[in-house]
Every structure is written in C-alpha cells, then in structure tokens.
Amino acid sequence: ILENTSNPAGIVLTRQNIPTWERGPGQATGDTFGSAEGV
C-alpha cells in the first residue's frame, strides 16, 4: 500500500484471532506454504 502512490487503498482487518501460517521462503510446494510476498 505504501509503495503505491497512484490511488487509495483500504486495508480490511479482523477483530478475532486467526492462525499465523508456517511458510517457506518462496512458492508453495508440497506441504510448504507459499511466502507472504505473494500478497
């Protein structure tokens, strides 16, 4: 959001707790979850 300077953004967030995933450093493969960089 901060890197983008051309238009507005809304970030939509939970009240309740949700899991924080164990991830790998890159793309998802097998049982390894993909990096959050994909966001």
Full PDB file with SEQRES, HELIX, SHEET, SSBOND, CRYST1, ORIGX, SCALE, CONECT and MASTER records, all heavy atoms in Angstrom:
SEQRES   1 A   39  ILE LEU GLU ASN THR SER ASN PRO ALA GLY ILE VAL LEU          
SEQRES   2 A   39  THR ARG GLN ASN ILE PRO THR TRP GLU ARG GLY PRO GLY          
SEQRES   3 A   39  GLN ALA THR GLY ASP THR PHE GLY SER ALA GLU GLY VAL          
HELIX    1 AA1 ALA A   36  GLY A   38  5                                   3    
CRYST1    1.000    1.000    1.000  90.00  90.00  90.00 P 1           1          
ORIGX1      1.000000  0.000000  0.000000        0.00000                         
ORIGX2      0.000000  1.000000  0.000000        0.00000                         
ORIGX3      0.000000  0.000000  1.000000        0.00000                         
SCALE1      1.000000  0.000000  0.000000        0.00000                         
SCALE2      0.000000  1.000000  0.000000        0.00000                         
SCALE3      0.000000  0.000000  1.000000        0.00000                         
ATOM      1  N   ILE A   1       0.843  -1.204   0.000  1.00  0.00           N  
ATOM      2  CA  ILE A   1       0.000   0.000   0.000  1.00  0.00           C  
ATOM      3  C   ILE A   1       0.875   1.250   0.000  1.00  0.00           C  
ATOM      4  O   ILE A   1       0.631   2.206  -0.751  1.00  0.00           O  
ATOM      5  CB  ILE A   1      -0.943  -0.010   1.215  1.00  0.00           C  
ATOM      6  CG1 ILE A   1      -2.044  -1.054   1.037  1.00  0.00           C  
ATOM      7  CG2 ILE A   1      -1.559   1.370   1.444  1.00  0.00           C  
ATOM      8  CD1 ILE A   1      -2.865  -1.313   2.292  1.00  0.00           C  
ATOM      9  N   LEU A   2       1.916   1.259   0.825  1.00  0.00           N  
ATOM     10  CA  LEU A   2       2.770   2.443   0.934  1.00  0.00           C  
ATOM     11  C   LEU A   2       3.638   2.633  -0.300  1.00  0.00           C  
ATOM     12  O   LEU A   2       4.019   3.763  -0.638  1.00  0.00           O  
ATOM     13  CB  LEU A   2       3.630   2.346   2.189  1.00  0.00           C  
ATOM     14  CG  LEU A   2       2.857   2.515   3.500  1.00  0.00           C  
ATOM     15  CD1 LEU A   2       3.712   2.102   4.689  1.00  0.00           C  
ATOM     16  CD2 LEU A   2       2.365   3.943   3.670  1.00  0.00           C  
ATOM     17  N   GLU A   3       3.937   1.560  -0.985  1.00  0.00           N  
ATOM     18  CA  GLU A   3       4.732   1.668  -2.211  1.00  0.00           C  
ATOM     19  C   GLU A   3       3.922   2.204  -3.376  1.00  0.00           C  
ATOM     20  O   GLU A   3       4.488   2.695  -4.362  1.00  0.00           O  
ATOM     21  CB  GLU A   3       5.318   0.301  -2.576  1.00  0.00           C  
ATOM     22  CG  GLU A   3       6.443  -0.142  -1.644  1.00  0.00           C  
ATOM     23  CD  GLU A   3       6.884  -1.573  -1.883  1.00  0.00           C  
ATOM     24  OE1 GLU A   3       6.131  -2.335  -2.535  1.00  0.00           O  
ATOM     25  OE2 GLU A   3       7.987  -1.935  -1.403  1.00  0.00           O  
ATOM     26  N   ASN A   4       2.615   2.122  -3.274  1.00  0.00           N  
ATOM     27  CA  ASN A   4       1.740   2.604  -4.341  1.00  0.00           C  
ATOM     28  C   ASN A   4       1.333   4.046  -4.062  1.00  0.00           C  
ATOM     29  O   ASN A   4       0.774   4.346  -3.015  1.00  0.00           O  
ATOM     30  CB  ASN A   4       0.490   1.722  -4.430  1.00  0.00           C  
ATOM     31  CG  ASN A   4      -0.509   2.248  -5.442  1.00  0.00           C  
ATOM     32  OD1 ASN A   4      -0.125   2.884  -6.410  1.00  0.00           O  
ATOM     33  ND2 ASN A   4      -1.779   2.003  -5.200  1.00  0.00           N  
ATOM     34  N   THR A   5       1.600   4.938  -4.997  1.00  0.00           N  
ATOM     35  CA  THR A   5       1.270   6.351  -4.801  1.00  0.00           C  
ATOM     36  C   THR A   5       0.250   6.865  -5.809  1.00  0.00           C  
ATOM     37  O   THR A   5       0.083   8.070  -5.958  1.00  0.00           O  
ATOM     38  CB  THR A   5       2.542   7.203  -4.908  1.00  0.00           C  
ATOM     39  OG1 THR A   5       3.114   7.066  -6.224  1.00  0.00           O  
ATOM     40  CG2 THR A   5       3.564   6.803  -3.858  1.00  0.00           C  
ATOM     41  N   SER A   6      -0.444   5.959  -6.486  1.00  0.00           N  
ATOM     42  CA  SER A   6      -1.326   6.408  -7.566  1.00  0.00           C  
ATOM     43  C   SER A   6      -2.808   6.343  -7.239  1.00  0.00           C  
ATOM     44  O   SER A   6      -3.622   6.863  -8.001  1.00  0.00           O  
ATOM     45  CB  SER A   6      -1.058   5.589  -8.838  1.00  0.00           C  
ATOM     46  OG  SER A   6      -1.302   4.210  -8.598  1.00  0.00           O  
ATOM     47  N   ASN A   7      -3.176   5.724  -6.122  1.00  0.00           N  
ATOM     48  CA  ASN A   7      -4.601   5.598  -5.807  1.00  0.00           C  
ATOM     49  C   ASN A   7      -4.778   5.170  -4.347  1.00  0.00           C  
ATOM     50  O   ASN A   7      -3.837   4.697  -3.713  1.00  0.00           O  
ATOM     51  CB  ASN A   7      -5.276   4.587  -6.746  1.00  0.00           C  
ATOM     52  CG  ASN A   7      -4.692   3.201  -6.626  1.00  0.00           C  
ATOM     53  OD1 ASN A   7      -3.603   2.943  -7.099  1.00  0.00           O  
ATOM     54  ND2 ASN A   7      -5.429   2.305  -5.997  1.00  0.00           N  
ATOM     55  N   PRO A   8      -5.986   5.317  -3.815  1.00  0.00           N  
ATOM     56  CA  PRO A   8      -6.222   4.965  -2.413  1.00  0.00           C  
ATOM     57  C   PRO A   8      -6.365   3.464  -2.199  1.00  0.00           C  
ATOM     58  O   PRO A   8      -6.605   2.699  -3.140  1.00  0.00           O  
ATOM     59  CB  PRO A   8      -7.541   5.683  -2.096  1.00  0.00           C  
ATOM     60  CG  PRO A   8      -8.244   5.784  -3.402  1.00  0.00           C  
ATOM     61  CD  PRO A   8      -7.173   5.932  -4.443  1.00  0.00           C  
ATOM     62  N   ALA A   9      -6.224   3.087  -0.933  1.00  0.00           N  
ATOM     63  CA  ALA A   9      -6.380   1.685  -0.558  1.00  0.00           C  
ATOM     64  C   ALA A   9      -7.058   1.599   0.794  1.00  0.00           C  
ATOM     65  O   ALA A   9      -6.879   2.464   1.659  1.00  0.00           O  
ATOM     66  CB  ALA A   9      -5.030   0.979  -0.512  1.00  0.00           C  
ATOM     67  N   GLY A  10      -7.818   0.551   0.959  1.00  0.00           N  
ATOM     68  CA  GLY A  10      -8.397   0.231   2.258  1.00  0.00           C  
ATOM     69  C   GLY A  10      -7.893  -1.118   2.711  1.00  0.00           C  
ATOM     70  O   GLY A  10      -7.934  -2.086   1.936  1.00  0.00           O  
ATOM     71  N   ILE A  11      -7.377  -1.203   3.925  1.00  0.00           N  
ATOM     72  CA  ILE A  11      -6.924  -2.479   4.468  1.00  0.00           C  
ATOM     73  C   ILE A  11      -7.980  -2.966   5.449  1.00  0.00           C  
ATOM     74  O   ILE A  11      -8.395  -2.237   6.352  1.00  0.00           O  
ATOM     75  CB  ILE A  11      -5.525  -2.373   5.095  1.00  0.00           C  
ATOM     76  CG1 ILE A  11      -5.018  -3.760   5.512  1.00  0.00           C  
ATOM     77  CG2 ILE A  11      -5.458  -1.373   6.226  1.00  0.00           C  
ATOM     78  CD1 ILE A  11      -3.532  -3.803   5.829  1.00  0.00           C  
ATOM     79  N   VAL A  12      -8.440  -4.203   5.260  1.00  0.00           N  
ATOM     80  CA  VAL A  12      -9.621  -4.741   5.925  1.00  0.00           C  
ATOM     81  C   VAL A  12      -9.169  -5.836   6.889  1.00  0.00           C  
ATOM     82  O   VAL A  12      -8.564  -6.827   6.468  1.00  0.00           O  
ATOM     83  CB  VAL A  12     -10.617  -5.293   4.884  1.00  0.00           C  
ATOM     84  CG1 VAL A  12     -11.903  -5.740   5.568  1.00  0.00           C  
ATOM     85  CG2 VAL A  12     -10.916  -4.244   3.815  1.00  0.00           C  
ATOM     86  N   LEU A  13      -9.500  -5.666   8.176  1.00  0.00           N  
ATOM     87  CA  LEU A  13      -8.834  -6.437   9.220  1.00  0.00           C  
ATOM     88  C   LEU A  13      -9.819  -7.088  10.185  1.00  0.00           C  
ATOM     89  O   LEU A  13     -10.895  -6.548  10.456  1.00  0.00           O  
ATOM     90  CB  LEU A  13      -7.894  -5.507   9.999  1.00  0.00           C  
ATOM     91  CG  LEU A  13      -6.871  -4.751   9.143  1.00  0.00           C  
ATOM     92  CD1 LEU A  13      -6.254  -3.601   9.917  1.00  0.00           C  
ATOM     93  CD2 LEU A  13      -5.793  -5.700   8.627  1.00  0.00           C  
ATOM     94  N   THR A  14      -9.395  -8.216  10.740  1.00  0.00           N  
ATOM     95  CA  THR A  14     -10.274  -8.983  11.627  1.00  0.00           C  
ATOM     96  C   THR A  14     -10.216  -8.480  13.065  1.00  0.00           C  
ATOM     97  O   THR A  14      -9.203  -7.962  13.525  1.00  0.00           O  
ATOM     98  CB  THR A  14      -9.873 -10.468  11.660  1.00  0.00           C  
ATOM     99  OG1 THR A  14      -8.604 -10.601  12.314  1.00  0.00           O  
ATOM    100  CG2 THR A  14      -9.800 -11.053  10.270  1.00  0.00           C  
ATOM    101  N   ARG A  15     -11.329  -8.681  13.757  1.00  0.00           N  
ATOM    102  CA  ARG A  15     -11.346  -8.496  15.210  1.00  0.00           C  
ATOM    103  C   ARG A  15     -10.831  -9.755  15.903  1.00  0.00           C  
ATOM    104  O   ARG A  15     -10.087  -9.682  16.872  1.00  0.00           O  
ATOM    105  CB  ARG A  15     -12.769  -8.206  15.682  1.00  0.00           C  
ATOM    106  CG  ARG A  15     -12.920  -8.127  17.207  1.00  0.00           C  
ATOM    107  CD  ARG A  15     -14.361  -7.847  17.583  1.00  0.00           C  
ATOM    108  NE  ARG A  15     -14.525  -7.646  19.022  1.00  0.00           N  
ATOM    109  CZ  ARG A  15     -14.851  -8.596  19.897  1.00  0.00           C  
ATOM    110  NH1 ARG A  15     -15.042  -9.842  19.474  1.00  0.00           N  
ATOM    111  NH2 ARG A  15     -14.989  -8.320  21.178  1.00  0.00           N  
ATOM    112  N   GLN A  16     -11.252 -10.905  15.396  1.00  0.00           N  
ATOM    113  CA  GLN A  16     -10.922 -12.170  16.039  1.00  0.00           C  
ATOM    114  C   GLN A  16      -9.528 -12.647  15.636  1.00  0.00           C  
ATOM    115  O   GLN A  16      -9.014 -12.306  14.569  1.00  0.00           O  
ATOM    116  CB  GLN A  16     -11.960 -13.245  15.698  1.00  0.00           C  
ATOM    117  CG  GLN A  16     -11.882 -13.834  14.289  1.00  0.00           C  
ATOM    118  CD  GLN A  16     -12.622 -13.009  13.251  1.00  0.00           C  
ATOM    119  OE1 GLN A  16     -12.827 -11.823  13.419  1.00  0.00           O  
ATOM    120  NE2 GLN A  16     -13.019 -13.659  12.158  1.00  0.00           N  
ATOM    121  N   ASN A  17      -8.918 -13.439  16.501  1.00  0.00           N  
ATOM    122  CA  ASN A  17      -7.622 -14.031  16.193  1.00  0.00           C  
ATOM    123  C   ASN A  17      -7.757 -15.073  15.102  1.00  0.00           C  
ATOM    124  O   ASN A  17      -8.752 -15.821  15.034  1.00  0.00           O  
ATOM    125  CB  ASN A  17      -7.024 -14.688  17.443  1.00  0.00           C  
ATOM    126  CG  ASN A  17      -6.597 -13.676  18.483  1.00  0.00           C  
ATOM    127  OD1 ASN A  17      -6.359 -12.514  18.167  1.00  0.00           O  
ATOM    128  ND2 ASN A  17      -6.506 -14.117  19.732  1.00  0.00           N  
ATOM    129  N   ILE A  18      -6.742 -15.144  14.249  1.00  0.00           N  
ATOM    130  CA  ILE A  18      -6.701 -16.162  13.201  1.00  0.00           C  
ATOM    131  C   ILE A  18      -5.284 -16.721  13.147  1.00  0.00           C  
ATOM    132  O   ILE A  18      -4.344 -16.110  13.663  1.00  0.00           O  
ATOM    133  CB  ILE A  18      -7.129 -15.614  11.820  1.00  0.00           C  
ATOM    134  CG1 ILE A  18      -6.214 -14.461  11.382  1.00  0.00           C  
ATOM    135  CG2 ILE A  18      -8.580 -15.153  11.859  1.00  0.00           C  
ATOM    136  CD1 ILE A  18      -6.520 -13.959   9.965  1.00  0.00           C  
ATOM    137  N   PRO A  19      -5.086 -17.898  12.528  1.00  0.00           N  
ATOM    138  CA  PRO A  19      -3.760 -18.526  12.531  1.00  0.00           C  
ATOM    139  C   PRO A  19      -2.717 -17.701  11.781  1.00  0.00           C  
ATOM    140  O   PRO A  19      -3.022 -16.986  10.822  1.00  0.00           O  
ATOM    141  CB  PRO A  19      -4.000 -19.863  11.817  1.00  0.00           C  
ATOM    142  CG  PRO A  19      -5.465 -20.113  11.928  1.00  0.00           C  
ATOM    143  CD  PRO A  19      -6.113 -18.757  11.913  1.00  0.00           C  
ATOM    144  N   THR A  20      -1.476 -17.833  12.239  1.00  0.00           N  
ATOM    145  CA  THR A  20      -0.326 -17.311  11.508  1.00  0.00           C  
ATOM    146  C   THR A  20       0.399 -18.519  10.920  1.00  0.00           C  
ATOM    147  O   THR A  20       0.842 -19.402  11.659  1.00  0.00           O  
ATOM    148  CB  THR A  20       0.614 -16.532  12.440  1.00  0.00           C  
ATOM    149  OG1 THR A  20      -0.118 -15.484  13.081  1.00  0.00           O  
ATOM    150  CG2 THR A  20       1.790 -15.939  11.659  1.00  0.00           C  
ATOM    151  N   TRP A  21       0.512 -18.559   9.590  1.00  0.00           N  
ATOM    152  CA  TRP A  21       0.966 -19.774   8.926  1.00  0.00           C  
ATOM    153  C   TRP A  21       2.492 -19.918   8.947  1.00  0.00           C  
ATOM    154  O   TRP A  21       3.217 -18.931   8.850  1.00  0.00           O  
ATOM    155  CB  TRP A  21       0.483 -19.786   7.461  1.00  0.00           C  
ATOM    156  CG  TRP A  21      -0.990 -19.564   7.320  1.00  0.00           C  
ATOM    157  CD1 TRP A  21      -1.623 -18.488   6.783  1.00  0.00           C  
ATOM    158  CD2 TRP A  21      -2.017 -20.450   7.753  1.00  0.00           C  
ATOM    159  NE1 TRP A  21      -2.973 -18.645   6.857  1.00  0.00           N  
ATOM    160  CE2 TRP A  21      -3.255 -19.829   7.446  1.00  0.00           C  
ATOM    161  CE3 TRP A  21      -2.028 -21.707   8.385  1.00  0.00           C  
ATOM    162  CZ2 TRP A  21      -4.476 -20.422   7.743  1.00  0.00           C  
ATOM    163  CZ3 TRP A  21      -3.250 -22.301   8.666  1.00  0.00           C  
ATOM    164  CH2 TRP A  21      -4.456 -21.662   8.348  1.00  0.00           C  
ATOM    165  N   GLU A  22       2.923 -21.161   9.071  1.00  0.00           N  
ATOM    166  CA  GLU A  22       4.321 -21.505   8.831  1.00  0.00           C  
ATOM    167  C   GLU A  22       4.521 -21.501   7.319  1.00  0.00           C  
ATOM    168  O   GLU A  22       3.778 -22.140   6.578  1.00  0.00           O  
ATOM    169  CB  GLU A  22       4.634 -22.891   9.406  1.00  0.00           C  
ATOM    170  CG  GLU A  22       6.067 -23.345   9.222  1.00  0.00           C  
ATOM    171  CD  GLU A  22       7.022 -22.648  10.169  1.00  0.00           C  
ATOM    172  OE1 GLU A  22       6.720 -22.560  11.363  1.00  0.00           O  
ATOM    173  OE2 GLU A  22       8.078 -22.180   9.682  1.00  0.00           O  
ATOM    174  N   ARG A  23       5.538 -20.780   6.847  1.00  0.00           N  
ATOM    175  CA  ARG A  23       5.713 -20.605   5.410  1.00  0.00           C  
ATOM    176  C   ARG A  23       7.152 -20.903   4.999  1.00  0.00           C  
ATOM    177  O   ARG A  23       8.081 -20.816   5.801  1.00  0.00           O  
ATOM    178  CB  ARG A  23       5.398 -19.161   4.996  1.00  0.00           C  
ATOM    179  CG  ARG A  23       4.000 -18.683   5.322  1.00  0.00           C  
ATOM    180  CD  ARG A  23       3.894 -17.173   5.151  1.00  0.00           C  
ATOM    181  NE  ARG A  23       2.567 -16.645   5.427  1.00  0.00           N  
ATOM    182  CZ  ARG A  23       1.605 -16.506   4.531  1.00  0.00           C  
ATOM    183  NH1 ARG A  23       1.817 -16.884   3.282  1.00  0.00           N  
ATOM    184  NH2 ARG A  23       0.431 -16.010   4.868  1.00  0.00           N  
ATOM    185  N   GLY A  24       7.313 -21.169   3.720  1.00  0.00           N  
ATOM    186  CA  GLY A  24       8.645 -21.249   3.144  1.00  0.00           C  
ATOM    187  C   GLY A  24       9.045 -19.905   2.572  1.00  0.00           C  
ATOM    188  O   GLY A  24       8.269 -18.948   2.575  1.00  0.00           O  
ATOM    189  N   PRO A  25      10.255 -19.819   2.048  1.00  0.00           N  
ATOM    190  CA  PRO A  25      10.740 -18.541   1.539  1.00  0.00           C  
ATOM    191  C   PRO A  25      10.260 -18.206   0.133  1.00  0.00           C  
ATOM    192  O   PRO A  25      10.431 -17.064  -0.328  1.00  0.00           O  
ATOM    193  CB  PRO A  25      12.256 -18.726   1.552  1.00  0.00           C  
ATOM    194  CG  PRO A  25      12.447 -20.199   1.330  1.00  0.00           C  
ATOM    195  CD  PRO A  25      11.295 -20.868   2.032  1.00  0.00           C  
ATOM    196  N   GLY A  26       9.682 -19.168  -0.554  1.00  0.00           N  
ATOM    197  CA  GLY A  26       9.285 -18.928  -1.940  1.00  0.00           C  
ATOM    198  C   GLY A  26       7.895 -19.435  -2.226  1.00  0.00           C  
ATOM    199  O   GLY A  26       6.978 -19.293  -1.406  1.00  0.00           O  
ATOM    200  N   GLN A  27       7.731 -20.047  -3.396  1.00  0.00           N  
ATOM    201  CA  GLN A  27       6.424 -20.539  -3.797  1.00  0.00           C  
ATOM    202  C   GLN A  27       6.028 -21.775  -2.996  1.00  0.00           C  
ATOM    203  O   GLN A  27       6.868 -22.513  -2.488  1.00  0.00           O  
ATOM    204  CB  GLN A  27       6.434 -20.876  -5.291  1.00  0.00           C  
ATOM    205  CG  GLN A  27       6.629 -19.666  -6.185  1.00  0.00           C  
ATOM    206  CD  GLN A  27       6.560 -20.030  -7.658  1.00  0.00           C  
ATOM    207  OE1 GLN A  27       6.503 -21.200  -8.019  1.00  0.00           O  
ATOM    208  NE2 GLN A  27       6.567 -19.021  -8.511  1.00  0.00           N  
ATOM    209  N   ALA A  28       4.716 -21.982  -2.910  1.00  0.00           N  
ATOM    210  CA  ALA A  28       4.201 -23.152  -2.203  1.00  0.00           C  
ATOM    211  C   ALA A  28       4.581 -24.422  -2.955  1.00  0.00           C  
ATOM    212  O   ALA A  28       4.542 -24.474  -4.187  1.00  0.00           O  
ATOM    213  CB  ALA A  28       2.686 -23.051  -2.079  1.00  0.00           C  
ATOM    214  N   THR A  29       4.943 -25.437  -2.198  1.00  0.00           N  
ATOM    215  CA  THR A  29       5.235 -26.733  -2.795  1.00  0.00           C  
ATOM    216  C   THR A  29       5.029 -27.808  -1.745  1.00  0.00           C  
ATOM    217  O   THR A  29       5.404 -27.625  -0.575  1.00  0.00           O  
ATOM    218  CB  THR A  29       6.676 -26.788  -3.338  1.00  0.00           C  
ATOM    219  OG1 THR A  29       6.934 -28.091  -3.884  1.00  0.00           O  
ATOM    220  CG2 THR A  29       7.695 -26.477  -2.274  1.00  0.00           C  
ATOM    221  N   GLY A  30       4.407 -28.912  -2.136  1.00  0.00           N  
ATOM    222  CA  GLY A  30       4.155 -29.982  -1.188  1.00  0.00           C  
ATOM    223  C   GLY A  30       3.347 -29.466  -0.005  1.00  0.00           C  
ATOM    224  O   GLY A  30       2.288 -28.869  -0.170  1.00  0.00           O  
ATOM    225  N   ASP A  31       3.889 -29.687   1.201  1.00  0.00           N  
ATOM    226  CA  ASP A  31       3.217 -29.207   2.406  1.00  0.00           C  
ATOM    227  C   ASP A  31       3.782 -27.868   2.897  1.00  0.00           C  
ATOM    228  O   ASP A  31       3.416 -27.399   3.982  1.00  0.00           O  
ATOM    229  CB  ASP A  31       3.356 -30.255   3.519  1.00  0.00           C  
ATOM    230  CG  ASP A  31       2.520 -31.499   3.230  1.00  0.00           C  
ATOM    231  OD1 ASP A  31       1.464 -31.346   2.594  1.00  0.00           O  
ATOM    232  OD2 ASP A  31       2.932 -32.599   3.634  1.00  0.00           O  
ATOM    233  N   THR A  32       4.667 -27.270   2.124  1.00  0.00           N  
ATOM    234  CA  THR A  32       5.241 -25.975   2.500  1.00  0.00           C  
ATOM    235  C   THR A  32       4.405 -24.851   1.910  1.00  0.00           C  
ATOM    236  O   THR A  32       4.190 -24.798   0.690  1.00  0.00           O  
ATOM    237  CB  THR A  32       6.691 -25.853   1.996  1.00  0.00           C  
ATOM    238  OG1 THR A  32       7.471 -26.918   2.545  1.00  0.00           O  
ATOM    239  CG2 THR A  32       7.288 -24.508   2.400  1.00  0.00           C  
ATOM    240  N   PHE A  33       3.959 -23.971   2.763  1.00  0.00           N  
ATOM    241  CA  PHE A  33       3.109 -22.861   2.316  1.00  0.00           C  
ATOM    242  C   PHE A  33       3.952 -21.778   1.636  1.00  0.00           C  
ATOM    243  O   PHE A  33       5.136 -21.594   1.939  1.00  0.00           O  
ATOM    244  CB  PHE A  33       2.362 -22.248   3.496  1.00  0.00           C  
ATOM    245  CG  PHE A  33       1.178 -23.052   3.964  1.00  0.00           C  
ATOM    246  CD1 PHE A  33       1.014 -24.372   3.569  1.00  0.00           C  
ATOM    247  CD2 PHE A  33       0.236 -22.495   4.801  1.00  0.00           C  
ATOM    248  CE1 PHE A  33      -0.082 -25.120   4.003  1.00  0.00           C  
ATOM    249  CE2 PHE A  33      -0.867 -23.217   5.242  1.00  0.00           C  
ATOM    250  CZ  PHE A  33      -1.024 -24.541   4.843  1.00  0.00           C  
ATOM    251  N   GLY A  34       3.318 -21.067   0.738  1.00  0.00           N  
ATOM    252  CA  GLY A  34       3.994 -20.017  -0.006  1.00  0.00           C  
ATOM    253  C   GLY A  34       4.297 -18.802   0.854  1.00  0.00           C  
ATOM    254  O   GLY A  34       3.618 -18.510   1.846  1.00  0.00           O  
ATOM    255  N   SER A  35       5.318 -18.079   0.455  1.00  0.00           N  
ATOM    256  CA  SER A  35       5.712 -16.861   1.159  1.00  0.00           C  
ATOM    257  C   SER A  35       4.611 -15.807   1.077  1.00  0.00           C  
ATOM    258  O   SER A  35       3.911 -15.680   0.063  1.00  0.00           O  
ATOM    259  CB  SER A  35       6.995 -16.304   0.538  1.00  0.00           C  
ATOM    260  OG  SER A  35       7.220 -14.970   0.940  1.00  0.00           O  
ATOM    261  N   ALA A  36       4.489 -15.009   2.133  1.00  0.00           N  
ATOM    262  CA  ALA A  36       3.514 -13.922   2.149  1.00  0.00           C  
ATOM    263  C   ALA A  36       3.860 -12.831   1.148  1.00  0.00           C  
ATOM    264  O   ALA A  36       3.050 -11.921   0.903  1.00  0.00           O  
ATOM    265  CB  ALA A  36       3.420 -13.323   3.552  1.00  0.00           C  
ATOM    266  N   GLU A  37       5.044 -12.909   0.534  1.00  0.00           N  
ATOM    267  CA  GLU A  37       5.403 -11.944  -0.507  1.00  0.00           C  
ATOM    268  C   GLU A  37       4.395 -11.951  -1.648  1.00  0.00           C  
ATOM    269  O   GLU A  37       4.257 -10.960  -2.370  1.00  0.00           O  
ATOM    270  CB  GLU A  37       6.803 -12.241  -1.047  1.00  0.00           C  
ATOM    271  CG  GLU A  37       7.923 -11.854  -0.106  1.00  0.00           C  
ATOM    272  CD  GLU A  37       7.970 -10.352   0.136  1.00  0.00           C  
ATOM    273  OE1 GLU A  37       7.785  -9.577  -0.825  1.00  0.00           O  
ATOM    274  OE2 GLU A  37       8.177  -9.953   1.292  1.00  0.00           O  
ATOM    275  N   GLY A  38       3.686 -13.058  -1.788  1.00  0.00           N  
ATOM    276  CA  GLY A  38       2.680 -13.140  -2.843  1.00  0.00           C  
ATOM    277  C   GLY A  38       1.564 -12.121  -2.697  1.00  0.00           C  
ATOM    278  O   GLY A  38       0.847 -11.827  -3.658  1.00  0.00           O  
ATOM    279  N   VAL A  39       1.396 -11.579  -1.503  1.00  0.00           N  
ATOM    280  CA  VAL A  39       0.373 -10.560  -1.281  1.00  0.00           C  
ATOM    281  C   VAL A  39       0.563  -9.384  -2.234  1.00  0.00           C  
ATOM    282  O   VAL A  39      -0.397  -8.776  -2.708  1.00  0.00           O  
ATOM    283  CB  VAL A  39       0.404 -10.066   0.181  1.00  0.00           C  
ATOM    284  CG1 VAL A  39      -0.474  -8.840   0.382  1.00  0.00           C  
ATOM    285  CG2 VAL A  39      -0.035 -11.185   1.117  1.00  0.00           C  
TER     286      VAL A  39                                                      
MASTER        0    0    0    1    0    0    0    6  285    1    0    3          
END                                                                             
